[in-house]
């Protein structure tokens, strides 16, 4: 194969620029913006560069989709240019919704950005094929985009590795003192400009040729037939076995199974899409039959999917993740019914419907963010009202001790609001502002622990494991521990895979682990002979923590609550447990690992 000359590369690059000028200019602006942000030294500052960065990230797929619609539709230059200008106006309008102190703002802006990015990339997948028909061209168009993207990523990684090595050589051989952030800036420049430009150069434009193409890469068939489809079968066996267990035991399906069902559906649909062009060939008739049966076997799984998702919602209300799970469940139900009942069975329906869904849930009172915030604010309102903390829509300090379960729930909701939305939904309950009074960081809110203090409760830094099988108890690392009366301290950490040998710690004292990690036996030797022993049992502490915090994972337990101590005739031992990782199986809880400070 003859390699292109430098002149040909430059000419091809110029043709790509003329074809997608708005996209490339947008990519360059975004790249320069991110490089400036990385290069900034000192404390984070509010800057309009965050607005520009977020808008240009979305600008690449949006402006590309608009350009392809105009090109495929053979619009006039004026109409095509006007469409791109409208796209720029939309990006500017979106940029105005982003706070300039993005790093201090709640995560809702990043999450909405991710949803919109998904929607716009899906738009690129079908933008030139908005009309009916042309299914073969649609498939080959996406195949070309996918393979071009893979090539672009590989080339970018190789180029980055080579140039990073060159920077390291300048640093180590010539003492040029290359700052570490230069490597990050290099990665952004390569991906923002080179990868984007290289990808755009491979975007197909022979639309008639795509529709008539019969080319099918052998690698795609091998990947779909021998890697993805076996995974689908494994998923199917596991899910139907679990479905049988539910029918036999008549137990409510666990919430975690919803992820497995959605993963199974995504893998199966993707496999069938990859095999779509060869489904009519005589030797591949099994593909068409498998496609029909796939959607039929999905029906019982969908009936299991909705109760699994609802289980989590009924326990802890709606959050963005649970809202998305519900909408994907509804979407999957619609797709299954469409491919079973419809005579057309257009593969375009998959990206088109997903794109529309992503746009719909990104904004408005029906969207994932508004519904999730309202759900959690309402849960908090019920809890505070129940404990007489919220009276006539005004908060006051708790007039009586709040039970542990309610404290955990309140702490969890406050942490969620602080992280994702901020406190705008509960601000009317307070007379003072819940934002930090700091110049240039108007979007930053006070910590959940400070809000809890205003409510008269002790904040618990908690999270939940999906089914309560993995439990973590951690001490508040900011607290001091009392060391009076002890000579030495040693820090230890052990897991269930450790050897249960004798471990010397000094002064003739050693300790031995039990096989279940729930006891430490301390031994004292004098003149090389055993003189004393002392056993410390973790089980009482474990039972106390499980009773007090149940399946809750917590990271700020008071140090005194994680204390064990024993005294013998010649030894005085105190253990501050820093963390405990547990596993629950069939109501039996065992220690998986722990860390502790031993005073002796």
Protein backbone atom coordinates (compact mmCIF):
# COMPACT_ATOMS: atom_id res chain seq x y z
CA UNK A 1 0.00 0.00 0.00
CA UNK A 2 1.38 3.38 -1.03
CA UNK A 3 1.56 5.87 1.83
CA UNK A 4 0.20 9.38 1.17
CA UNK A 5 2.68 12.20 0.78
CA UNK A 6 2.82 15.21 3.10
CA UNK A 7 1.16 17.28 0.40
CA UNK A 8 -1.70 14.79 0.10
CA UNK A 9 -2.17 14.78 3.88
CA UNK A 10 -2.32 18.57 3.97
CA UNK A 11 -4.74 18.68 1.04
CA UNK A 12 -6.94 16.06 2.70
CA UNK A 13 -6.88 18.01 5.96
CA UNK A 14 -7.90 21.18 4.16
CA UNK A 15 -10.77 19.37 2.41
CA UNK A 16 -11.93 18.07 5.79
CA UNK A 17 -11.81 21.60 7.21
CA UNK A 18 -13.88 22.95 4.32
CA UNK A 19 -16.39 20.15 4.84
CA UNK A 20 -16.69 20.63 8.63
CA UNK A 21 -15.36 24.14 9.43
CA UNK A 22 -17.66 24.76 12.42
CA UNK A 23 -16.82 21.42 13.99
CA UNK A 24 -13.06 21.88 13.71
CA UNK A 25 -13.09 25.50 14.91
CA UNK A 26 -15.26 24.39 17.83
CA UNK A 27 -12.75 21.60 18.65
CA UNK A 28 -9.80 24.00 18.53
CA UNK A 29 -11.56 26.51 20.82
CA UNK A 30 -12.46 23.75 23.25
CA UNK A 31 -8.93 22.35 23.25
CA UNK A 32 -7.34 25.73 23.92
CA UNK A 33 -9.86 26.35 26.70
CA UNK A 34 -9.10 23.08 28.48
CA UNK A 35 -5.34 23.60 28.14
CA UNK A 36 -5.67 27.03 29.79
CA UNK A 37 -7.73 25.50 32.62
CA UNK A 38 -5.13 22.78 33.19
CA UNK A 39 -2.31 25.33 33.10
CA UNK A 40 -3.94 27.42 35.84
CA UNK A 41 -2.03 27.43 39.12
CA UNK A 42 -3.35 28.37 42.52
CA UNK A 43 -6.80 27.90 44.05
CA UNK A 44 -9.78 27.22 41.73
CA UNK A 45 -11.42 30.36 40.41
CA UNK A 46 -14.72 31.17 38.73
CA UNK A 47 -14.15 31.63 35.01
CA UNK A 48 -16.21 31.70 31.84
CA UNK A 49 -13.78 29.13 30.45
CA UNK A 50 -15.83 26.42 32.18
CA UNK A 51 -18.87 27.54 30.21
CA UNK A 52 -16.89 27.47 26.96
CA UNK A 53 -15.44 24.03 27.73
CA UNK A 54 -18.83 22.46 28.43
CA UNK A 55 -20.42 23.98 25.34
CA UNK A 56 -17.62 22.96 22.97
CA UNK A 57 -17.69 19.37 24.25
CA UNK A 58 -21.30 19.16 23.09
CA UNK A 59 -20.51 21.26 20.02
CA UNK A 60 -18.55 18.50 18.28
CA UNK A 61 -21.45 15.99 17.93
CA UNK A 62 -24.12 18.69 17.52
CA UNK A 63 -22.39 20.61 14.73
CA UNK A 64 -21.30 17.38 13.03
CA UNK A 65 -24.87 16.06 13.03
CA UNK A 66 -26.20 19.33 11.57
CA UNK A 67 -23.50 19.35 8.88
CA UNK A 68 -24.30 15.74 7.88
CA UNK A 69 -28.04 16.43 7.72
CA UNK A 70 -27.41 19.36 5.38
CA UNK A 71 -24.91 17.39 3.26
CA UNK A 72 -27.08 14.29 2.88
CA UNK A 73 -30.13 16.43 2.16
CA UNK A 74 -28.15 18.44 -0.45
CA UNK A 75 -29.11 21.73 1.14
CA UNK A 76 -27.86 24.96 -0.32
CA UNK A 77 -24.74 26.54 1.20
CA UNK A 78 -26.85 29.29 2.71
CA UNK A 79 -29.22 26.86 4.46
CA UNK A 80 -26.33 24.68 5.60
CA UNK A 81 -24.47 27.71 6.98
CA UNK A 82 -27.61 29.00 8.69
CA UNK A 83 -28.19 25.62 10.35
CA UNK A 84 -24.66 25.64 11.76
CA UNK A 85 -25.16 29.19 13.07
CA UNK A 86 -28.34 28.03 14.84
CA UNK A 87 -26.28 25.24 16.38
CA UNK A 88 -23.75 27.77 17.66
CA UNK A 89 -26.56 29.89 19.14
CA UNK A 90 -27.92 26.81 20.96
CA UNK A 91 -24.44 26.09 22.35
CA UNK A 92 -24.07 29.67 23.59
CA UNK A 93 -27.50 29.47 25.23
CA UNK A 94 -26.50 26.22 26.91
CA UNK A 95 -23.19 27.73 28.07
CA UNK A 96 -25.14 30.44 29.88
CA UNK A 97 -26.80 27.78 32.07
CA UNK A 98 -23.42 26.54 33.39
CA UNK A 99 -22.05 28.19 36.57
CA UNK A 100 -18.66 29.85 36.18
CA UNK A 101 -17.52 28.18 39.41
CA UNK A 102 -18.24 24.72 38.04
CA UNK A 103 -15.79 22.93 40.34
CA UNK A 104 -17.68 24.15 43.40
CA UNK A 105 -21.15 23.59 41.94
CA UNK A 106 -23.34 20.50 42.53
CA UNK A 107 -22.90 17.58 40.14
CA UNK A 108 -26.21 18.14 38.34
CA UNK A 109 -24.44 20.16 35.63
CA UNK A 110 -21.97 17.35 34.90
CA UNK A 111 -24.72 14.72 34.91
CA UNK A 112 -26.86 16.74 32.51
CA UNK A 113 -23.81 17.21 30.30
CA UNK A 114 -23.34 13.43 30.16
CA UNK A 115 -26.98 12.86 29.23
CA UNK A 116 -26.85 15.49 26.48
CA UNK A 117 -23.55 14.07 25.19
CA UNK A 118 -25.15 10.63 24.90
CA UNK A 119 -28.16 12.11 23.10
CA UNK A 120 -26.03 14.10 20.63
CA UNK A 121 -23.72 11.18 19.83
CA UNK A 122 -26.80 9.08 19.13
CA UNK A 123 -28.02 11.92 16.90
CA UNK A 124 -24.81 11.63 14.85
CA UNK A 125 -25.55 7.90 14.43
CA UNK A 126 -28.76 8.53 12.49
CA UNK A 127 -28.66 12.22 11.45
CA UNK A 128 -28.06 11.60 7.72
CA UNK A 129 -30.75 8.89 7.69
CA UNK A 130 -33.77 10.64 9.14
CA UNK A 131 -36.01 9.40 6.35
CA UNK A 132 -37.50 5.94 5.90
CA UNK A 133 -35.56 3.10 4.29
CA UNK A 134 -31.83 3.01 3.45
CA UNK A 135 -31.22 0.50 6.25
CA UNK A 136 -28.14 -0.97 4.58
CA UNK A 137 -26.61 2.47 4.10
CA UNK A 138 -27.44 3.36 7.69
CA UNK A 139 -25.62 0.25 8.97
CA UNK A 140 -22.54 0.77 6.78
CA UNK A 141 -22.42 4.45 7.73
CA UNK A 142 -22.27 3.55 11.43
CA UNK A 143 -19.80 0.75 10.76
CA UNK A 144 -17.50 3.25 9.06
CA UNK A 145 -17.81 5.72 11.94
CA UNK A 146 -17.10 3.00 14.50
CA UNK A 147 -14.00 1.65 12.74
CA UNK A 148 -12.72 5.18 12.09
CA UNK A 149 -13.14 6.01 15.78
CA UNK A 150 -11.23 2.88 16.81
CA UNK A 151 -8.38 3.82 14.44
CA UNK A 152 -8.35 7.39 15.71
CA UNK A 153 -8.12 6.27 19.34
CA UNK A 154 -5.30 3.81 18.59
CA UNK A 155 -3.34 6.43 16.65
CA UNK A 156 -3.89 8.98 19.44
CA UNK A 157 -2.59 6.56 22.09
CA UNK A 158 0.51 5.73 20.04
CA UNK A 159 1.18 9.41 19.30
CA UNK A 160 0.71 10.36 22.95
CA UNK A 161 3.01 7.56 24.13
CA UNK A 162 5.75 8.65 21.70
CA UNK A 163 5.54 12.35 22.52
CA UNK A 164 5.30 11.66 26.27
CA UNK A 165 8.49 9.63 26.03
CA UNK A 166 10.12 12.55 24.23
CA UNK A 167 9.06 14.92 27.03
CA UNK A 168 10.40 12.49 29.61
CA UNK A 169 13.71 12.35 27.71
CA UNK A 170 13.97 16.15 27.72
CA UNK A 171 13.21 16.14 31.43
CA UNK A 172 15.64 13.42 32.48
CA UNK A 173 18.47 13.83 29.94
CA UNK A 174 18.59 17.60 29.59
CA UNK A 175 17.16 18.70 32.94
CA UNK A 176 14.40 20.81 31.35
CA UNK A 177 12.06 20.21 34.32
CA UNK A 178 8.88 19.40 32.38
CA UNK A 179 5.88 19.89 34.75
CA UNK A 180 3.55 16.91 35.10
CA UNK A 181 0.61 18.96 33.81
CA UNK A 182 2.29 19.19 30.38
CA UNK A 183 1.48 15.53 29.87
CA UNK A 184 -2.19 16.24 30.54
CA UNK A 185 -2.14 19.19 28.16
CA UNK A 186 -0.49 17.01 25.49
CA UNK A 187 -3.26 14.42 25.84
CA UNK A 188 -5.93 17.10 25.47
CA UNK A 189 -4.26 18.63 22.39
CA UNK A 190 -3.90 15.26 20.67
CA UNK A 191 -7.47 14.20 21.33
CA UNK A 192 -9.06 17.62 20.90
CA UNK A 193 -7.44 18.44 17.56
CA UNK A 194 -5.64 15.47 15.99
CA UNK A 195 -8.20 12.76 16.93
CA UNK A 196 -11.16 14.94 16.00
CA UNK A 197 -9.66 16.02 12.67
CA UNK A 198 -8.56 12.48 11.80
CA UNK A 199 -12.00 11.09 12.64
CA UNK A 200 -13.78 13.73 10.57
CA UNK A 201 -11.55 12.92 7.59
CA UNK A 202 -13.03 9.42 7.57
CA UNK A 203 -16.71 10.37 7.83
CA UNK A 204 -18.33 8.84 4.71
CA UNK A 205 -19.88 11.04 2.06
CA UNK A 206 -20.64 8.60 -0.76
CA UNK A 207 -24.20 8.03 0.42
CA UNK A 208 -25.27 6.06 -2.65
CA UNK A 209 -22.23 3.82 -2.32
CA UNK A 210 -23.06 3.06 1.31
CA UNK A 211 -26.57 1.90 0.44
CA UNK A 212 -25.24 -0.42 -2.25
CA UNK A 213 -22.33 -1.75 -0.20
CA UNK A 214 -22.15 -5.47 0.63
CA UNK A 215 -18.79 -5.32 2.38
CA UNK A 216 -18.83 -6.99 5.80
CA UNK A 217 -15.63 -7.09 7.89
CA UNK A 218 -14.87 -10.60 9.07
CA UNK A 219 -13.60 -9.23 12.39
CA UNK A 220 -17.05 -7.86 13.24
CA UNK A 221 -18.68 -11.25 12.65
CA UNK A 222 -16.07 -13.02 14.79
CA UNK A 223 -16.53 -10.45 17.58
CA UNK A 224 -20.33 -10.65 17.52
CA UNK A 225 -20.68 -14.40 16.95
CA UNK A 226 -17.92 -15.80 19.11
CA UNK A 227 -17.59 -13.21 21.89
CA UNK A 228 -20.82 -11.25 22.35
CA UNK A 229 -23.33 -14.04 21.66
CA UNK A 230 -21.73 -16.49 24.14
CA UNK A 231 -21.91 -13.70 26.74
CA UNK A 232 -25.60 -13.28 25.92
CA UNK A 233 -26.19 -17.00 26.47
CA UNK A 234 -24.37 -16.88 29.83
CA UNK A 235 -26.52 -13.92 30.91
CA UNK A 236 -29.64 -15.72 29.71
CA UNK A 237 -28.92 -18.91 31.70
CA UNK A 238 -28.19 -16.92 34.88
CA UNK A 239 -31.27 -14.74 34.57
CA UNK A 240 -33.67 -17.59 33.83
CA UNK A 241 -32.19 -19.62 36.69
CA UNK A 242 -32.81 -16.65 38.99
CA UNK A 243 -36.33 -16.28 37.57
CA UNK A 244 -36.97 -19.93 38.40
CA UNK A 245 -35.71 -19.32 41.95
CA UNK A 246 -38.16 -16.41 42.34
CA UNK A 247 -41.05 -18.58 41.13
CA UNK A 248 -40.13 -21.43 43.48
CA UNK A 249 -39.38 -19.35 46.59
CA UNK A 250 -41.85 -16.58 45.72
CA UNK A 251 -39.34 -13.91 46.84
CA UNK A 252 -39.31 -10.32 45.60
CA UNK A 253 -36.51 -9.90 42.98
CA UNK A 254 -33.37 -8.16 44.26
CA UNK A 255 -32.74 -4.65 42.96
CA UNK A 256 -29.28 -5.55 41.64
CA UNK A 257 -30.74 -7.96 39.06
CA UNK A 258 -32.08 -4.97 37.09
CA UNK A 259 -28.50 -4.10 36.10
CA UNK A 260 -27.96 -7.65 34.85
CA UNK A 261 -31.16 -7.61 32.80
CA UNK A 262 -30.31 -4.24 31.22
CA UNK A 263 -26.77 -5.49 30.54
CA UNK A 264 -28.15 -8.64 28.92
CA UNK A 265 -30.52 -6.60 26.76
CA UNK A 266 -27.80 -4.14 25.69
CA UNK A 267 -25.34 -6.92 24.79
CA UNK A 268 -27.97 -8.88 22.89
CA UNK A 269 -29.27 -5.90 20.92
CA UNK A 270 -25.72 -4.77 20.08
CA UNK A 271 -24.84 -8.29 18.87
CA UNK A 272 -27.88 -8.43 16.59
CA UNK A 273 -27.12 -4.96 15.21
CA UNK A 274 -23.57 -6.04 14.34
CA UNK A 275 -24.89 -9.10 12.49
CA UNK A 276 -27.75 -7.25 10.76
CA UNK A 277 -26.35 -7.00 7.18
CA UNK A 278 -25.72 -10.76 6.85
CA UNK A 279 -28.95 -12.00 8.43
CA UNK A 280 -30.53 -12.79 5.02
CA UNK A 281 -27.64 -14.87 3.72
CA UNK A 282 -28.44 -18.58 3.41
CA UNK A 283 -25.61 -19.67 5.70
CA UNK A 284 -26.72 -17.19 8.38
CA UNK A 285 -30.44 -17.89 8.59
CA UNK A 286 -29.91 -18.64 12.30
CA UNK A 287 -29.30 -14.91 12.87
CA UNK A 288 -32.81 -13.98 11.76
CA UNK A 289 -34.33 -16.72 13.91
CA UNK A 290 -32.20 -15.75 16.91
CA UNK A 291 -33.27 -12.13 16.52
CA UNK A 292 -36.95 -13.09 16.68
CA UNK A 293 -36.45 -15.37 19.70
CA UNK A 294 -34.27 -12.87 21.54
CA UNK A 295 -37.11 -10.39 21.92
CA UNK A 296 -39.52 -13.14 22.93
CA UNK A 297 -37.26 -14.44 25.73
CA UNK A 298 -36.96 -10.84 26.94
CA UNK A 299 -40.65 -10.75 27.94
CA UNK A 300 -40.37 -12.72 31.23
CA UNK A 301 -37.22 -10.77 32.12
CA UNK A 302 -39.07 -7.48 31.67
CA UNK A 303 -41.75 -8.70 34.10
CA UNK A 304 -38.92 -9.31 36.58
CA UNK A 305 -37.21 -5.99 35.76
CA UNK A 306 -39.92 -3.60 36.94
CA UNK A 307 -40.35 -5.09 40.47
CA UNK A 308 -36.56 -5.13 40.88
CA UNK A 309 -36.31 -1.43 40.03
CA UNK A 310 -39.35 -0.56 42.13
CA UNK A 311 -37.85 -2.31 45.16
CA UNK A 312 -35.08 0.29 45.42
CA UNK A 313 -37.44 3.20 44.75
CA UNK A 314 -39.92 2.07 47.42
CA UNK A 315 -37.12 1.85 49.99
CA UNK A 316 -35.12 5.02 49.31
CA UNK A 317 -37.11 7.14 46.85
CA UNK A 318 -36.11 8.24 43.36
CA UNK A 319 -32.59 9.28 42.42
CA UNK A 320 -31.10 9.93 38.98
CA UNK A 321 -29.85 6.36 38.69
CA UNK A 322 -33.21 4.84 39.60
CA UNK A 323 -35.06 7.26 37.31
CA UNK A 324 -32.81 6.24 34.40
CA UNK A 325 -33.37 2.58 35.28
CA UNK A 326 -37.16 3.11 35.09
CA UNK A 327 -36.99 4.98 31.79
CA UNK A 328 -34.68 2.35 30.28
CA UNK A 329 -37.08 -0.35 31.46
CA UNK A 330 -39.97 1.42 29.73
CA UNK A 331 -37.82 1.95 26.62
CA UNK A 332 -36.78 -1.71 26.57
CA UNK A 333 -40.43 -2.77 26.86
CA UNK A 334 -41.30 -0.58 23.87
CA UNK A 335 -38.38 -1.92 21.79
CA UNK A 336 -39.29 -5.54 22.56
CA UNK A 337 -42.93 -4.98 21.58
CA UNK A 338 -41.86 -3.08 18.45
CA UNK A 339 -39.59 -5.85 17.16
CA UNK A 340 -42.17 -8.54 17.97
CA UNK A 341 -45.27 -6.83 16.58
CA UNK A 342 -44.01 -4.44 13.88
CA UNK A 343 -43.68 -5.61 10.28
CA UNK A 344 -40.98 -3.04 9.44
CA UNK A 345 -38.50 -3.76 12.28
CA UNK A 346 -36.28 -0.77 11.49
CA UNK A 347 -32.91 -0.84 13.25
CA UNK A 348 -32.97 2.96 13.19
CA UNK A 349 -35.63 2.81 15.90
CA UNK A 350 -33.01 1.89 18.52
CA UNK A 351 -30.74 4.98 18.32
CA UNK A 352 -33.62 7.32 17.40
CA UNK A 353 -35.76 6.34 20.40
CA UNK A 354 -32.78 6.39 22.78
CA UNK A 355 -31.75 9.84 21.54
CA UNK A 356 -35.25 11.26 22.00
CA UNK A 357 -35.48 9.67 25.45
CA UNK A 358 -32.14 11.14 26.55
CA UNK A 359 -33.22 14.63 25.45
CA UNK A 360 -36.62 14.33 27.16
CA UNK A 361 -35.25 13.29 30.57
CA UNK A 362 -32.52 15.96 30.59
CA UNK A 363 -34.80 18.94 31.23
CA UNK A 364 -38.18 19.96 32.60
CA UNK A 365 -40.29 19.08 35.63
CA UNK A 366 -40.69 15.54 34.20
CA UNK A 367 -36.91 15.11 33.82
CA UNK A 368 -34.64 12.96 35.92
CA UNK A 369 -33.16 15.85 37.90
CA UNK A 370 -36.40 17.58 38.91
CA UNK A 371 -38.21 14.35 39.77
CA UNK A 372 -35.25 12.99 41.76
CA UNK A 373 -34.76 16.19 43.74
CA UNK A 374 -38.48 16.47 44.54
CA UNK A 375 -38.58 12.83 45.67
CA UNK A 376 -35.67 13.24 48.09
CA UNK A 377 -36.86 16.63 49.39
CA UNK A 378 -40.28 15.11 50.10
CA UNK A 379 -38.67 12.17 51.94
CA UNK A 380 -36.65 14.64 54.02
CA UNK A 381 -39.75 16.69 54.75
CA UNK A 382 -41.61 13.63 56.04
CA UNK A 383 -38.70 12.62 58.29
CA UNK A 384 -38.20 16.11 59.73
CA UNK A 385 -41.93 16.61 60.29
CA UNK A 386 -42.17 13.23 62.01
CA UNK A 387 -39.42 14.26 64.46
CA UNK A 388 -40.85 17.79 65.01
CA UNK A 389 -37.80 19.37 63.36
CA UNK A 390 -39.85 20.90 60.53
CA UNK A 391 -42.85 22.80 61.86
CA UNK A 392 -44.96 25.02 59.58
CA UNK A 393 -42.24 24.74 56.90
CA UNK A 394 -39.58 26.13 59.27
CA UNK A 395 -36.79 24.08 60.79
CA UNK A 396 -35.89 24.03 64.46
CA UNK A 397 -33.45 21.91 66.41
CA UNK A 398 -34.76 18.47 67.29
CA UNK A 399 -36.72 18.78 70.56
CA UNK A 400 -35.97 15.13 71.43
CA UNK A 401 -33.36 12.53 70.42
CA UNK A 402 -33.93 11.23 66.90
CA UNK A 403 -33.83 7.45 66.47
CA UNK A 404 -30.81 6.00 64.67
CA UNK A 405 -32.63 4.87 61.52
CA UNK A 406 -34.12 8.33 60.93
CA UNK A 407 -30.70 9.94 61.50
CA UNK A 408 -29.22 7.67 58.86
CA UNK A 409 -31.99 8.49 56.39
CA UNK A 410 -31.71 12.25 57.02
CA UNK A 411 -27.91 12.14 56.68
CA UNK A 412 -28.16 10.18 53.44
CA UNK A 413 -30.61 12.66 51.90
CA UNK A 414 -28.53 15.68 52.95
CA UNK A 415 -25.41 14.10 51.44
CA UNK A 416 -27.30 13.39 48.20
CA UNK A 417 -28.68 16.93 47.91
CA UNK A 418 -25.28 18.49 48.67
CA UNK A 419 -23.55 16.34 46.05
CA UNK A 420 -26.07 16.44 43.19
CA UNK A 421 -28.48 19.39 43.50
CA UNK A 422 -27.47 21.74 46.26
CA UNK A 423 -29.95 22.88 48.90
CA UNK A 424 -32.25 25.08 46.81
CA UNK A 425 -35.12 22.67 47.41
CA UNK A 426 -34.86 23.01 51.21
CA UNK A 427 -33.51 26.58 51.48
CA UNK A 428 -37.02 28.04 52.19
CA UNK A 429 -37.07 26.05 55.45
CA UNK A 430 -34.07 27.99 56.81
CA UNK A 431 -33.75 31.65 57.74
CA UNK A 432 -29.99 31.73 57.00
CA UNK A 433 -28.34 30.92 53.66
CA UNK A 434 -27.05 27.39 53.12
CA UNK A 435 -24.43 28.60 50.64
CA UNK A 436 -20.82 29.33 51.53
CA UNK A 437 -20.19 33.07 51.60
CA UNK A 438 -17.16 33.12 49.30
CA UNK A 439 -16.31 35.50 46.47
CA UNK A 440 -16.18 33.69 43.12
CA UNK A 441 -17.76 30.47 44.47
CA UNK A 442 -21.44 31.37 44.56
CA UNK A 443 -22.54 27.80 43.77
CA UNK A 444 -20.85 26.11 46.74
CA UNK A 445 -22.98 24.92 49.65
CA UNK A 446 -22.09 24.25 53.28
CA UNK A 447 -21.37 20.64 54.22
CA UNK A 448 -24.17 18.20 55.13
CA UNK A 449 -22.75 17.95 58.66
CA UNK A 450 -23.33 21.69 59.19
CA UNK A 451 -26.90 21.41 57.92
CA UNK A 452 -27.46 18.45 60.25
CA UNK A 453 -26.15 20.55 63.15
CA UNK A 454 -28.76 23.21 62.34
CA UNK A 455 -31.35 20.42 62.62
CA UNK A 456 -29.97 19.37 66.01
CA UNK A 457 -28.76 15.91 64.94
CA UNK A 458 -25.36 14.26 64.55
CA UNK A 459 -24.54 13.77 60.85
CA UNK A 460 -23.57 10.24 59.78
CA UNK A 461 -21.30 9.93 56.75
CA UNK A 462 -23.04 6.93 55.19
CA UNK A 463 -23.87 5.14 51.99
CA UNK A 464 -25.70 1.92 51.22
CA UNK A 465 -24.45 -1.27 49.62
CA UNK A 466 -26.94 -2.41 46.94
CA UNK A 467 -28.24 -5.42 48.86
CA UNK A 468 -26.55 -4.98 52.24
CA UNK A 469 -24.15 -7.90 51.68
CA UNK A 470 -20.96 -5.82 51.83
CA UNK A 471 -20.75 -3.64 54.94
CA UNK A 472 -18.10 -1.07 55.86
CA UNK A 473 -17.60 0.58 59.24
CA UNK A 474 -14.99 3.33 59.39
CA UNK A 475 -13.84 5.63 62.18
CA UNK A 476 -13.76 9.41 61.85
CA UNK A 477 -10.10 9.88 60.82
CA UNK A 478 -10.06 13.49 62.05
CA UNK A 479 -10.48 12.52 65.71
CA UNK A 480 -7.66 12.22 68.24
CA UNK A 481 -7.18 9.01 70.16
CA UNK A 482 -6.16 8.83 73.83
CA UNK A 483 -2.69 7.32 74.35
CA UNK A 484 -2.15 7.99 78.09
CA UNK A 485 -0.89 5.01 80.03
CA UNK A 486 0.66 3.18 77.07
CA UNK A 487 4.28 2.87 75.94
CA UNK A 488 4.05 2.00 72.25
CA UNK A 489 1.70 1.98 69.30
CA UNK A 490 1.69 -0.09 66.12
CA UNK A 491 -0.66 0.15 63.11
CA UNK A 492 -1.89 -3.12 61.61
CA UNK A 493 -4.19 -4.22 58.81
CA UNK A 494 -5.25 -7.75 57.92
CA UNK A 495 -7.50 -9.55 55.44
CA UNK A 496 -8.92 -13.05 55.20
CA UNK A 497 -6.13 -14.03 52.80
CA UNK A 498 -3.34 -13.25 55.30
CA UNK A 499 -1.23 -15.99 56.86
CA UNK A 500 -2.33 -16.58 60.46
CA UNK A 501 1.21 -16.62 61.84
CA UNK A 502 2.51 -15.08 65.06
CA UNK A 503 3.30 -11.38 64.59
CA UNK A 504 5.88 -9.75 66.94
CA UNK A 505 5.20 -6.12 67.89
CA UNK A 506 7.91 -5.40 70.48
CA UNK A 507 8.72 -5.63 74.21
CA UNK A 508 8.48 -9.43 73.98
CA UNK A 509 4.84 -9.18 72.87
CA UNK A 510 3.39 -10.78 69.74
CA UNK A 511 -0.12 -11.53 68.53
CA UNK A 512 -1.81 -14.29 66.57
CA UNK A 513 -4.85 -14.00 64.27
CA UNK A 514 -7.72 -16.44 64.40
CA UNK A 515 -8.74 -18.01 61.07
CA UNK A 516 -11.97 -15.98 61.06
CA UNK A 517 -10.17 -12.70 61.96
CA UNK A 518 -12.53 -12.15 64.87
CA UNK A 519 -10.00 -12.59 67.71
CA UNK A 520 -6.44 -11.49 68.44
CA UNK A 521 -4.42 -13.48 70.97
CA UNK A 522 -1.53 -11.51 72.49
CA UNK A 523 1.45 -13.48 73.89
CA UNK A 524 4.14 -12.21 76.26
CA UNK A 525 7.50 -13.97 76.46
CA UNK A 526 10.11 -13.47 79.16
CA UNK A 527 13.55 -15.01 78.77
CA UNK A 528 12.27 -16.75 75.66
CA UNK A 529 9.51 -18.56 77.52
CA UNK A 530 5.73 -17.94 77.41
CA UNK A 531 4.83 -15.78 80.40
CA UNK A 532 1.33 -14.42 79.74
CA UNK A 533 -1.49 -14.37 77.16
CA UNK A 534 -4.48 -12.13 76.54
CA UNK A 535 -7.37 -12.60 74.11
CA UNK A 536 -9.33 -9.74 72.53
CA UNK A 537 -12.60 -10.69 70.83
CA UNK A 538 -13.95 -8.49 68.01
CA UNK A 539 -17.37 -10.13 68.00
CA UNK A 540 -19.02 -7.96 70.73
CA UNK A 541 -17.91 -4.80 68.87
CA UNK A 542 -19.18 -6.31 65.62
CA UNK A 543 -22.57 -7.13 67.09
CA UNK A 544 -22.88 -3.64 68.58
CA UNK A 545 -22.07 -1.95 65.25
CA UNK A 546 -24.45 -4.20 63.30
CA UNK A 547 -27.24 -3.50 65.75
CA UNK A 548 -26.67 0.26 65.71
CA UNK A 549 -26.01 0.77 61.99
CA UNK A 550 -27.56 -2.36 60.42
CA UNK A 551 -26.63 -2.61 56.71
CA UNK A 552 -25.42 0.96 56.55
CA UNK A 553 -21.90 1.78 55.43
CA UNK A 554 -20.57 4.59 57.58
CA UNK A 555 -17.29 6.49 57.60
CA UNK A 556 -17.42 8.76 60.65
CA UNK A 557 -18.06 6.54 63.65
CA UNK A 558 -16.62 8.15 66.83
CA UNK A 559 -13.23 6.67 67.71
CA UNK A 560 -14.39 5.71 71.21
CA UNK A 561 -17.14 3.57 69.65
CA UNK A 562 -14.51 1.48 67.83
CA UNK A 563 -12.45 0.72 70.92
CA UNK A 564 -11.45 -2.63 72.42
CA UNK A 565 -9.26 -3.08 75.49
CA UNK A 566 -8.07 -5.79 77.85
CA UNK A 567 -5.63 -6.03 80.77
CA UNK A 568 -3.71 -9.04 82.06
CA UNK A 569 -1.14 -9.43 84.84
CA UNK A 570 1.73 -8.24 82.59
CA UNK A 571 0.04 -6.62 79.57
CA UNK A 572 -2.27 -3.68 78.94
CA UNK A 573 -3.72 -3.60 75.39
CA UNK A 574 -6.01 -1.06 73.75
CA UNK A 575 -7.13 -1.40 70.11
CA UNK A 576 -8.64 1.45 68.08
CA UNK A 577 -10.27 -0.19 65.06
CA UNK A 578 -9.94 2.21 62.11
CA UNK A 579 -12.15 0.26 59.70
CA UNK A 580 -13.99 -3.05 59.40
CA UNK A 581 -15.06 -4.62 56.08
CA UNK A 582 -17.69 -7.32 56.49
CA UNK A 583 -19.55 -9.76 54.27
CA UNK A 584 -23.05 -11.04 55.04
CA UNK A 585 -24.15 -14.36 53.62
CA UNK A 586 -27.28 -16.26 54.75
CA UNK A 587 -27.51 -14.07 57.87
CA UNK A 588 -23.94 -14.94 58.84
CA UNK A 589 -21.56 -11.97 59.02
CA UNK A 590 -17.82 -12.51 58.71
CA UNK A 591 -14.87 -10.12 58.79
CA UNK A 592 -13.20 -9.68 55.40
CA UNK A 593 -10.54 -7.17 56.43
CA UNK A 594 -9.79 -4.54 59.04
CA UNK A 595 -7.22 -1.96 60.09
CA UNK A 596 -6.40 -0.96 63.66
CA UNK A 597 -3.98 0.89 65.94
CA UNK A 598 -2.67 -1.23 68.83
CA UNK A 599 -1.52 0.59 71.97
CA UNK A 600 0.46 -1.58 74.42
